[in-house]
C-alpha atoms as a PDB file:
ATOM      1  CA  UNK A   1     -10.976 -10.796 -25.985  1.00  0.00           C
ATOM      2  CA  UNK A   2     -11.760 -14.401 -25.525  1.00  0.00           C
ATOM      3  CA  UNK A   3     -14.256 -15.394 -22.852  1.00  0.00           C
ATOM      4  CA  UNK A   4     -17.634 -16.934 -22.190  1.00  0.00           C
ATOM      5  CA  UNK A   5     -20.135 -14.539 -20.592  1.00  0.00           C
ATOM      6  CA  UNK A   6     -23.597 -15.430 -19.454  1.00  0.00           C
ATOM      7  CA  UNK A   7     -25.627 -12.266 -19.716  1.00  0.00           C
ATOM      8  CA  UNK A   8     -29.016 -13.511 -18.425  1.00  0.00           C
ATOM      9  CA  UNK A   9     -30.327 -11.791 -15.327  1.00  0.00           C
ATOM     10  CA  UNK A  10     -31.150 -15.117 -13.672  1.00  0.00           C
ATOM     11  CA  UNK A  11     -27.786 -14.735 -11.888  1.00  0.00           C
ATOM     12  CA  UNK A  12     -27.731 -12.627  -8.801  1.00  0.00           C
ATOM     13  CA  UNK A  13     -24.007 -12.722  -8.059  1.00  0.00           C
ATOM     14  CA  UNK A  14     -20.733 -13.013  -9.965  1.00  0.00           C
ATOM     15  CA  UNK A  15     -17.750 -14.222  -7.905  1.00  0.00           C
ATOM     16  CA  UNK A  16     -14.406 -12.910  -9.052  1.00  0.00           C
ATOM     17  CA  UNK A  17     -11.490 -15.408  -8.570  1.00  0.00           C
ATOM     18  CA  UNK A  18      -8.133 -14.006  -9.652  1.00  0.00           C
ATOM     19  CA  UNK A  19      -5.787 -16.886 -10.684  1.00  0.00           C
ATOM     20  CA  UNK A  20      -2.032 -16.678 -10.945  1.00  0.00           C
ATOM     21  CA  UNK A  21      -0.203 -20.083 -11.177  1.00  0.00           C
ATOM     22  CA  UNK A  22      -2.762 -21.999  -9.175  1.00  0.00           C
ATOM     23  CA  UNK A  23      -3.043 -25.184 -11.256  1.00  0.00           C
ATOM     24  CA  UNK A  24      -2.559 -27.406  -8.148  1.00  0.00           C
ATOM     25  CA  UNK A  25      -5.576 -25.838  -6.495  1.00  0.00           C
ATOM     26  CA  UNK A  26      -7.997 -25.469  -9.434  1.00  0.00           C
ATOM     27  CA  UNK A  27      -9.484 -29.000  -9.497  1.00  0.00           C
ATOM     28  CA  UNK A  28     -10.409 -28.856  -5.829  1.00  0.00           C
ATOM     29  CA  UNK A  29     -11.611 -25.218  -6.266  1.00  0.00           C
ATOM     30  CA  UNK A  30     -13.873 -26.071  -9.159  1.00  0.00           C
ATOM     31  CA  UNK A  31     -15.423 -29.094  -7.447  1.00  0.00           C
ATOM     32  CA  UNK A  32     -15.997 -27.060  -4.250  1.00  0.00           C
ATOM     33  CA  UNK A  33     -17.800 -24.467  -6.215  1.00  0.00           C
ATOM     34  CA  UNK A  34     -19.965 -26.973  -8.083  1.00  0.00           C
ATOM     35  CA  UNK A  35     -21.029 -28.344  -4.649  1.00  0.00           C
ATOM     36  CA  UNK A  36     -21.656 -24.808  -3.423  1.00  0.00           C
ATOM     37  CA  UNK A  37     -23.754 -23.904  -6.533  1.00  0.00           C
ATOM     38  CA  UNK A  38     -25.920 -27.023  -5.975  1.00  0.00           C
ATOM     39  CA  UNK A  39     -26.712 -25.908  -2.416  1.00  0.00           C
ATOM     40  CA  UNK A  40     -26.864 -22.077  -2.524  1.00  0.00           C
ATOM     41  CA  UNK A  41     -30.225 -20.351  -2.772  1.00  0.00           C
ATOM     42  CA  UNK A  42     -28.592 -17.391  -4.542  1.00  0.00           C
ATOM     43  CA  UNK A  43     -27.963 -18.115  -8.256  1.00  0.00           C
ATOM     44  CA  UNK A  44     -24.279 -17.339  -8.678  1.00  0.00           C
ATOM     45  CA  UNK A  45     -21.533 -17.841 -11.202  1.00  0.00           C
ATOM     46  CA  UNK A  46     -17.641 -17.674 -11.171  1.00  0.00           C
ATOM     47  CA  UNK A  47     -15.595 -15.256 -13.194  1.00  0.00           C
ATOM     48  CA  UNK A  48     -11.930 -16.370 -13.346  1.00  0.00           C
ATOM     49  CA  UNK A  49      -9.357 -13.756 -14.056  1.00  0.00           C
ATOM     50  CA  UNK A  50      -6.152 -15.441 -15.269  1.00  0.00           C
ATOM     51  CA  UNK A  51      -3.503 -12.970 -14.444  1.00  0.00           C
ATOM     52  CA  UNK A  52      -0.862 -14.134 -16.814  1.00  0.00           C
ATOM     53  CA  UNK A  53      -0.313 -17.615 -15.400  1.00  0.00           C
ATOM     54  CA  UNK A  54       2.696 -19.454 -16.747  1.00  0.00           C
ATOM     55  CA  UNK A  55       1.635 -22.974 -15.613  1.00  0.00           C
ATOM     56  CA  UNK A  56      -1.453 -24.893 -16.775  1.00  0.00           C
ATOM     57  CA  UNK A  57      -3.953 -22.891 -14.854  1.00  0.00           C
ATOM     58  CA  UNK A  58      -5.596 -21.368 -17.941  1.00  0.00           C
ATOM     59  CA  UNK A  59      -6.004 -24.804 -19.559  1.00  0.00           C
ATOM     60  CA  UNK A  60      -8.024 -25.983 -16.547  1.00  0.00           C
ATOM     61  CA  UNK A  61     -10.070 -22.747 -16.557  1.00  0.00           C
ATOM     62  CA  UNK A  62     -10.740 -22.964 -20.253  1.00  0.00           C
ATOM     63  CA  UNK A  63     -11.859 -26.517 -19.939  1.00  0.00           C
ATOM     64  CA  UNK A  64     -14.368 -25.956 -17.086  1.00  0.00           C
ATOM     65  CA  UNK A  65     -15.778 -22.941 -18.775  1.00  0.00           C
ATOM     66  CA  UNK A  66     -16.483 -24.940 -21.888  1.00  0.00           C
ATOM     67  CA  UNK A  67     -18.252 -27.668 -19.890  1.00  0.00           C
ATOM     68  CA  UNK A  68     -20.058 -25.793 -17.159  1.00  0.00           C
ATOM     69  CA  UNK A  69     -22.363 -22.796 -17.581  1.00  0.00           C
ATOM     70  CA  UNK A  70     -21.656 -21.277 -14.208  1.00  0.00           C
ATOM     71  CA  UNK A  71     -17.972 -20.556 -14.959  1.00  0.00           C
ATOM     72  CA  UNK A  72     -16.532 -17.768 -17.128  1.00  0.00           C
ATOM     73  CA  UNK A  73     -13.110 -16.239 -17.709  1.00  0.00           C
ATOM     74  CA  UNK A  74     -11.041 -13.315 -18.633  1.00  0.00           C
ATOM     75  CA  UNK A  75      -7.440 -13.998 -19.634  1.00  0.00           C
ATOM     76  CA  UNK A  76      -4.768 -11.293 -19.249  1.00  0.00           C
ATOM     77  CA  UNK A  77      -1.925 -10.989 -21.800  1.00  0.00           C
ATOM     78  CA  UNK A  78       0.599 -10.984 -18.841  1.00  0.00           C
ATOM     79  CA  UNK A  79       0.735 -10.612 -15.171  1.00  0.00           C
ATOM     80  CA  UNK A  80      -0.798  -7.241 -14.144  1.00  0.00           C
ATOM     81  CA  UNK A  81      -1.356  -7.834 -10.405  1.00  0.00           C
ATOM     82  CA  UNK A  82      -4.255  -8.342  -8.066  1.00  0.00           C
ATOM     83  CA  UNK A  83      -5.758  -4.770  -8.208  1.00  0.00           C
ATOM     84  CA  UNK A  84      -5.896  -5.021 -12.062  1.00  0.00           C
ATOM     85  CA  UNK A  85      -7.505  -8.479 -11.817  1.00  0.00           C
ATOM     86  CA  UNK A  86     -10.206  -7.320  -9.409  1.00  0.00           C
ATOM     87  CA  UNK A  87     -10.888  -4.199 -11.545  1.00  0.00           C
ATOM     88  CA  UNK A  88     -11.203  -6.178 -14.738  1.00  0.00           C
ATOM     89  CA  UNK A  89     -13.686  -8.501 -13.068  1.00  0.00           C
ATOM     90  CA  UNK A  90     -15.752  -5.554 -11.725  1.00  0.00           C
ATOM     91  CA  UNK A  91     -15.734  -3.895 -15.101  1.00  0.00           C
ATOM     92  CA  UNK A  92     -17.287  -6.959 -16.747  1.00  0.00           C
ATOM     93  CA  UNK A  93     -19.834  -7.926 -14.160  1.00  0.00           C
ATOM     94  CA  UNK A  94     -23.557  -7.561 -15.070  1.00  0.00           C
ATOM     95  CA  UNK A  95     -25.134  -9.067 -11.906  1.00  0.00           C
ATOM     96  CA  UNK A  96     -26.486  -7.036  -8.884  1.00  0.00           C
ATOM     97  CA  UNK A  97     -23.895  -8.509  -6.534  1.00  0.00           C
ATOM     98  CA  UNK A  98     -20.171  -8.882  -6.844  1.00  0.00           C
ATOM     99  CA  UNK A  99     -18.367 -11.576  -4.830  1.00  0.00           C
ATOM    100  CA  UNK A 100     -14.718 -12.140  -4.322  1.00  0.00           C
ATOM    101  CA  UNK A 101     -12.636 -15.052  -3.089  1.00  0.00           C
ATOM    102  CA  UNK A 102      -9.077 -16.285  -3.573  1.00  0.00           C
ATOM    103  CA  UNK A 103      -8.248 -19.434  -5.613  1.00  0.00           C
ATOM    104  CA  UNK A 104      -6.228 -21.010  -2.769  1.00  0.00           C
ATOM    105  CA  UNK A 105      -9.399 -22.080  -0.864  1.00  0.00           C
ATOM    106  CA  UNK A 106      -8.139 -20.777   2.391  1.00  0.00           C
ATOM    107  CA  UNK A 107     -11.686 -19.465   2.696  1.00  0.00           C
ATOM    108  CA  UNK A 108     -14.760 -21.395   1.800  1.00  0.00           C
ATOM    109  CA  UNK A 109     -17.311 -20.420  -0.847  1.00  0.00           C
ATOM    110  CA  UNK A 110     -19.991 -21.927   1.464  1.00  0.00           C
ATOM    111  CA  UNK A 111     -19.288 -18.943   3.809  1.00  0.00           C
ATOM    112  CA  UNK A 112     -20.837 -16.654   1.057  1.00  0.00           C
ATOM    113  CA  UNK A 113     -24.115 -17.819   2.708  1.00  0.00           C
ATOM    114  CA  UNK A 114     -23.067 -16.173   5.909  1.00  0.00           C
ATOM    115  CA  UNK A 115     -22.440 -12.935   4.074  1.00  0.00           C
ATOM    116  CA  UNK A 116     -25.531 -13.046   1.905  1.00  0.00           C
ATOM    117  CA  UNK A 117     -27.734 -13.507   5.035  1.00  0.00           C
ATOM    118  CA  UNK A 118     -26.366 -10.130   6.306  1.00  0.00           C
ATOM    119  CA  UNK A 119     -26.725  -8.194   2.986  1.00  0.00           C
ATOM    120  CA  UNK A 120     -29.943  -6.341   3.642  1.00  0.00           C
ATOM    121  CA  UNK A 121     -29.283  -2.767   4.350  1.00  0.00           C
ATOM    122  CA  UNK A 122     -25.554  -2.904   3.620  1.00  0.00           C
ATOM    123  CA  UNK A 123     -23.407  -1.930   0.632  1.00  0.00           C
ATOM    124  CA  UNK A 124     -20.728  -4.465   1.398  1.00  0.00           C
ATOM    125  CA  UNK A 125     -20.284  -7.433   3.601  1.00  0.00           C
ATOM    126  CA  UNK A 126     -16.779  -8.775   4.239  1.00  0.00           C
ATOM    127  CA  UNK A 127     -15.324 -11.587   6.144  1.00  0.00           C
ATOM    128  CA  UNK A 128     -12.657 -11.500   8.811  1.00  0.00           C
ATOM    129  CA  UNK A 129     -10.463 -14.458   9.667  1.00  0.00           C
ATOM    130  CA  UNK A 130     -11.183 -14.819  13.445  1.00  0.00           C
ATOM    131  CA  UNK A 131      -9.239 -18.112  13.675  1.00  0.00           C
ATOM    132  CA  UNK A 132      -6.513 -17.693  11.085  1.00  0.00           C
ATOM    133  CA  UNK A 133      -4.656 -20.854   9.976  1.00  0.00           C
ATOM    134  CA  UNK A 134      -1.446 -19.166   8.617  1.00  0.00           C
ATOM    135  CA  UNK A 135       2.108 -19.314   9.891  1.00  0.00           C
ATOM    136  CA  UNK A 136       3.023 -17.046  12.859  1.00  0.00           C
ATOM    137  CA  UNK A 137       5.119 -14.861  10.510  1.00  0.00           C
ATOM    138  CA  UNK A 138       2.203 -14.268   8.117  1.00  0.00           C
ATOM    139  CA  UNK A 139      -0.198 -13.596  10.955  1.00  0.00           C
ATOM    140  CA  UNK A 140       2.238 -11.092  12.558  1.00  0.00           C
ATOM    141  CA  UNK A 141       2.851  -9.227   9.323  1.00  0.00           C
ATOM    142  CA  UNK A 142      -0.870  -8.946   8.567  1.00  0.00           C
ATOM    143  CA  UNK A 143      -1.568  -7.795  12.146  1.00  0.00           C
ATOM    144  CA  UNK A 144       0.983  -5.075  11.905  1.00  0.00           C
ATOM    145  CA  UNK A 145      -0.278  -3.973   8.513  1.00  0.00           C
ATOM    146  CA  UNK A 146      -3.949  -3.993   9.713  1.00  0.00           C
ATOM    147  CA  UNK A 147      -3.085  -2.115  12.923  1.00  0.00           C
ATOM    148  CA  UNK A 148      -1.166   0.601  11.004  1.00  0.00           C
ATOM    149  CA  UNK A 149      -3.909   0.958   8.380  1.00  0.00           C
ATOM    150  CA  UNK A 150      -6.600   1.403  11.001  1.00  0.00           C
ATOM    151  CA  UNK A 151      -4.500   3.899  12.845  1.00  0.00           C
ATOM    152  CA  UNK A 152      -3.709   5.946   9.778  1.00  0.00           C
ATOM    153  CA  UNK A 153      -7.169   6.014   8.072  1.00  0.00           C
ATOM    154  CA  UNK A 154      -9.442   4.892  10.850  1.00  0.00           C
ATOM    155  CA  UNK A 155     -11.601   2.667   8.631  1.00  0.00           C
ATOM    156  CA  UNK A 156     -12.488   0.282  11.490  1.00  0.00           C
ATOM    157  CA  UNK A 157     -11.821  -2.778   9.312  1.00  0.00           C
ATOM    158  CA  UNK A 158     -10.579  -5.821  11.260  1.00  0.00           C
ATOM    159  CA  UNK A 159      -9.004  -7.766   8.324  1.00  0.00           C
ATOM    160  CA  UNK A 160      -9.051  -5.991   5.055  1.00  0.00           C
ATOM    161  CA  UNK A 161      -6.989  -8.773   3.482  1.00  0.00           C
ATOM    162  CA  UNK A 162      -9.661 -11.426   4.074  1.00  0.00           C
ATOM    163  CA  UNK A 163     -10.399 -12.829   0.584  1.00  0.00           C
ATOM    164  CA  UNK A 164     -14.182 -13.159   1.105  1.00  0.00           C
ATOM    165  CA  UNK A 165     -16.305 -10.194   0.155  1.00  0.00           C
ATOM    166  CA  UNK A 166     -19.696  -9.300  -1.323  1.00  0.00           C
ATOM    167  CA  UNK A 167     -20.406  -5.816  -2.685  1.00  0.00           C
ATOM    168  CA  UNK A 168     -23.363  -4.314  -4.519  1.00  0.00           C
ATOM    169  CA  UNK A 169     -22.091  -4.075  -8.056  1.00  0.00           C
ATOM    170  CA  UNK A 170     -23.302  -0.469  -8.569  1.00  0.00           C
ATOM    171  CA  UNK A 171     -21.013   0.573  -5.662  1.00  0.00           C
ATOM    172  CA  UNK A 172     -18.151  -1.714  -6.791  1.00  0.00           C
ATOM    173  CA  UNK A 173     -18.112   0.009 -10.305  1.00  0.00           C
ATOM    174  CA  UNK A 174     -17.599   3.404  -8.594  1.00  0.00           C
ATOM    175  CA  UNK A 175     -14.425   2.379  -6.788  1.00  0.00           C
ATOM    176  CA  UNK A 176     -11.410   4.380  -7.971  1.00  0.00           C
ATOM    177  CA  UNK A 177      -8.719   1.815  -8.590  1.00  0.00           C
ATOM    178  CA  UNK A 178      -4.941   2.094  -8.856  1.00  0.00           C
ATOM    179  CA  UNK A 179      -2.253  -0.466  -7.955  1.00  0.00           C
ATOM    180  CA  UNK A 180      -2.597  -1.555  -4.362  1.00  0.00           C
ATOM    181  CA  UNK A 181      -6.142  -0.269  -3.914  1.00  0.00           C
ATOM    182  CA  UNK A 182      -7.577  -3.747  -3.401  1.00  0.00           C
ATOM    183  CA  UNK A 183      -6.422  -3.392   0.121  1.00  0.00           C
ATOM    184  CA  UNK A 184      -8.775  -0.427   0.726  1.00  0.00           C
ATOM    185  CA  UNK A 185     -11.998  -1.605  -0.919  1.00  0.00           C
ATOM    186  CA  UNK A 186     -13.999  -1.403   2.343  1.00  0.00           C
ATOM    187  CA  UNK A 187     -12.591   2.075   3.023  1.00  0.00           C
ATOM    188  CA  UNK A 188     -13.444   3.167  -0.473  1.00  0.00           C
ATOM    189  CA  UNK A 189     -17.025   1.948  -0.045  1.00  0.00           C
ATOM    190  CA  UNK A 190     -17.254   3.974   3.161  1.00  0.00           C
ATOM    191  CA  UNK A 191     -15.814   6.977   1.271  1.00  0.00           C
ATOM    192  CA  UNK A 192     -18.910   6.637  -1.048  1.00  0.00           C
ATOM    193  CA  UNK A 193     -21.067   6.939   2.062  1.00  0.00           C
ATOM    194  CA  UNK A 194     -21.818   3.232   1.727  1.00  0.00           C
ATOM    195  CA  UNK A 195     -22.363   0.880   4.665  1.00  0.00           C
ATOM    196  CA  UNK A 196     -20.086  -2.075   5.534  1.00  0.00           C
ATOM    197  CA  UNK A 197     -20.539  -5.051   7.842  1.00  0.00           C
ATOM    198  CA  UNK A 198     -17.951  -7.542   9.005  1.00  0.00           C
ATOM    199  CA  UNK A 199     -18.660 -11.252   9.547  1.00  0.00           C
ATOM    200  CA  UNK A 200     -16.471 -13.923  11.131  1.00  0.00           C
ATOM    201  CA  UNK A 201     -15.620 -16.668   8.511  1.00  0.00           C
ATOM    202  CA  UNK A 202     -13.753 -19.890   8.450  1.00  0.00           C
ATOM    203  CA  UNK A 203     -10.028 -19.987   7.476  1.00  0.00           C
ATOM    204  CA  UNK A 204      -7.981 -22.983   6.387  1.00  0.00           C
ATOM    205  CA  UNK A 205      -4.318 -23.762   5.779  1.00  0.00           C
ATOM    206  CA  UNK A 206      -3.122 -23.560   2.169  1.00  0.00           C
ATOM    207  CA  UNK A 207      -2.938 -27.174   0.900  1.00  0.00           C
ATOM    208  CA  UNK A 208      -1.351 -26.669  -2.505  1.00  0.00           C
ATOM    209  CA  UNK A 209       0.492 -24.092  -4.467  1.00  0.00           C
ATOM    210  CA  UNK A 210       2.561 -21.213  -3.166  1.00  0.00           C
ATOM    211  CA  UNK A 211       1.539 -17.881  -1.714  1.00  0.00           C
ATOM    212  CA  UNK A 212       2.245 -14.919  -3.962  1.00  0.00           C
ATOM    213  CA  UNK A 213       2.797 -12.566  -0.902  1.00  0.00           C
ATOM    214  CA  UNK A 214       6.123 -11.694   0.575  1.00  0.00           C
ATOM    215  CA  UNK A 215       7.337  -9.481   3.432  1.00  0.00           C
ATOM    216  CA  UNK A 216       7.310  -6.505   1.043  1.00  0.00           C
ATOM    217  CA  UNK A 217       3.807  -6.876  -0.400  1.00  0.00           C
ATOM    218  CA  UNK A 218       2.347  -7.947   2.920  1.00  0.00           C
ATOM    219  CA  UNK A 219       3.811  -5.237   5.151  1.00  0.00           C
ATOM    220  CA  UNK A 220       5.877  -2.507   3.494  1.00  0.00           C
ATOM    221  CA  UNK A 221       3.796  -1.974   0.279  1.00  0.00           C
ATOM    222  CA  UNK A 222       0.545  -1.833   2.222  1.00  0.00           C
ATOM    223  CA  UNK A 223       2.013   0.971   4.349  1.00  0.00           C
ATOM    224  CA  UNK A 224       3.005   2.897   1.249  1.00  0.00           C
ATOM    225  CA  UNK A 225      -0.454   2.413  -0.179  1.00  0.00           C
ATOM    226  CA  UNK A 226      -2.049   3.675   2.990  1.00  0.00           C
ATOM    227  CA  UNK A 227      -0.358   7.022   2.589  1.00  0.00           C
ATOM    228  CA  UNK A 228      -1.460   7.024  -1.077  1.00  0.00           C
ATOM    229  CA  UNK A 229      -5.065   6.401   0.136  1.00  0.00           C
ATOM    230  CA  UNK A 230      -4.848   9.233   2.707  1.00  0.00           C
ATOM    231  CA  UNK A 231      -3.783  11.622  -0.139  1.00  0.00           C
ATOM    232  CA  UNK A 232      -6.574  10.421  -2.383  1.00  0.00           C
ATOM    233  CA  UNK A 233      -9.256  10.628   0.378  1.00  0.00           C
ATOM    234  CA  UNK A 234      -8.535  14.332   0.928  1.00  0.00           C
ATOM    235  CA  UNK A 235      -9.251  14.984  -2.773  1.00  0.00           C
ATOM    236  CA  UNK A 236     -12.109  12.501  -3.315  1.00  0.00           C
ATOM    237  CA  UNK A 237     -15.155  13.977  -5.098  1.00  0.00           C
ATOM    238  CA  UNK A 238     -18.532  12.990  -3.778  1.00  0.00           C
ATOM    239  CA  UNK A 239     -21.737  14.706  -4.770  1.00  0.00           C
ATOM    240  CA  UNK A 240     -25.527  14.116  -4.918  1.00  0.00           C
ATOM    241  CA  UNK A 241     -27.749  15.454  -7.707  1.00  0.00           C
ATOM    242  CA  UNK A 242     -31.250  16.637  -6.802  1.00  0.00           C
ATOM    243  CA  UNK A 243     -32.513  17.590 -10.198  1.00  0.00           C
ATOM    244  CA  UNK A 244     -31.179  17.297 -13.782  1.00  0.00           C
ATOM    245  CA  UNK A 245     -32.371  18.240 -17.175  1.00  0.00           C
ATOM    246  CA  UNK A 246     -30.284  17.516 -20.218  1.00  0.00           C
ATOM    247  CA  UNK A 247     -30.903  18.246 -23.884  1.00  0.00           C
ATOM    248  CA  UNK A 248     -29.533  16.400 -26.809  1.00  0.00           C
ATOM    249  CA  UNK A 249     -26.214  17.864 -28.042  1.00  0.00           C
ATOM    250  CA  UNK A 250     -24.509  17.134 -31.248  1.00  0.00           C
ATOM    251  CA  UNK A 251     -20.916  16.707 -30.389  1.00  0.00           C
ATOM    252  CA  UNK A 252     -19.779  17.169 -33.986  1.00  0.00           C
ATOM    253  CA  UNK A 253     -20.946  20.722 -34.086  1.00  0.00           C
END
């Protein structure tokens, strides 16, 4: 698999950015992150996940990764979807913290500082869009989906779709993923007996490109996935080991 991975532990956080046909946003996204890296007190890097883009997104990603050390990439062979992109990112992260943001810049990387300032004592810090700058239709669909999810699984999360999150990587790697489970990351952290805090973050209108969400994947699909989560939660295995002693075993015997 092609890619450029910085393995040094001088980085404290890797920020996953899924990309699917976002070439119109990438120049602004990259320049914004370079400004953020220059100001942040937490040494971070970006891991782009190109989710089978059919425009020139990957060319822009490949170029910046060749020129700037704080950018890396994974390129999918085709479009696999958001849950797969997030899982691929988590699987390849080697920093203590895992960040997440969307490529459309409707949230700001500078707000990672708000989240990082609250990180002590928590497994996950996530943003919520207190003053959301989307159309009435999008806001209504999300409000209905969030309300139904909270009612059905009682996770207490205000805005699970907010694309600004930081998770301790050790906990992120334990998340059981299947299609649609990106909507339930906070609930899955709570299922691990982790702790979650919510922080109000800025939200901006989309300035370029097109949203990949429709009525189906913003409202109907989340409801279907909520019932899938309820089924999984009843069967989730969670245990704590007090003592362990293992001896070498030759598996070829």
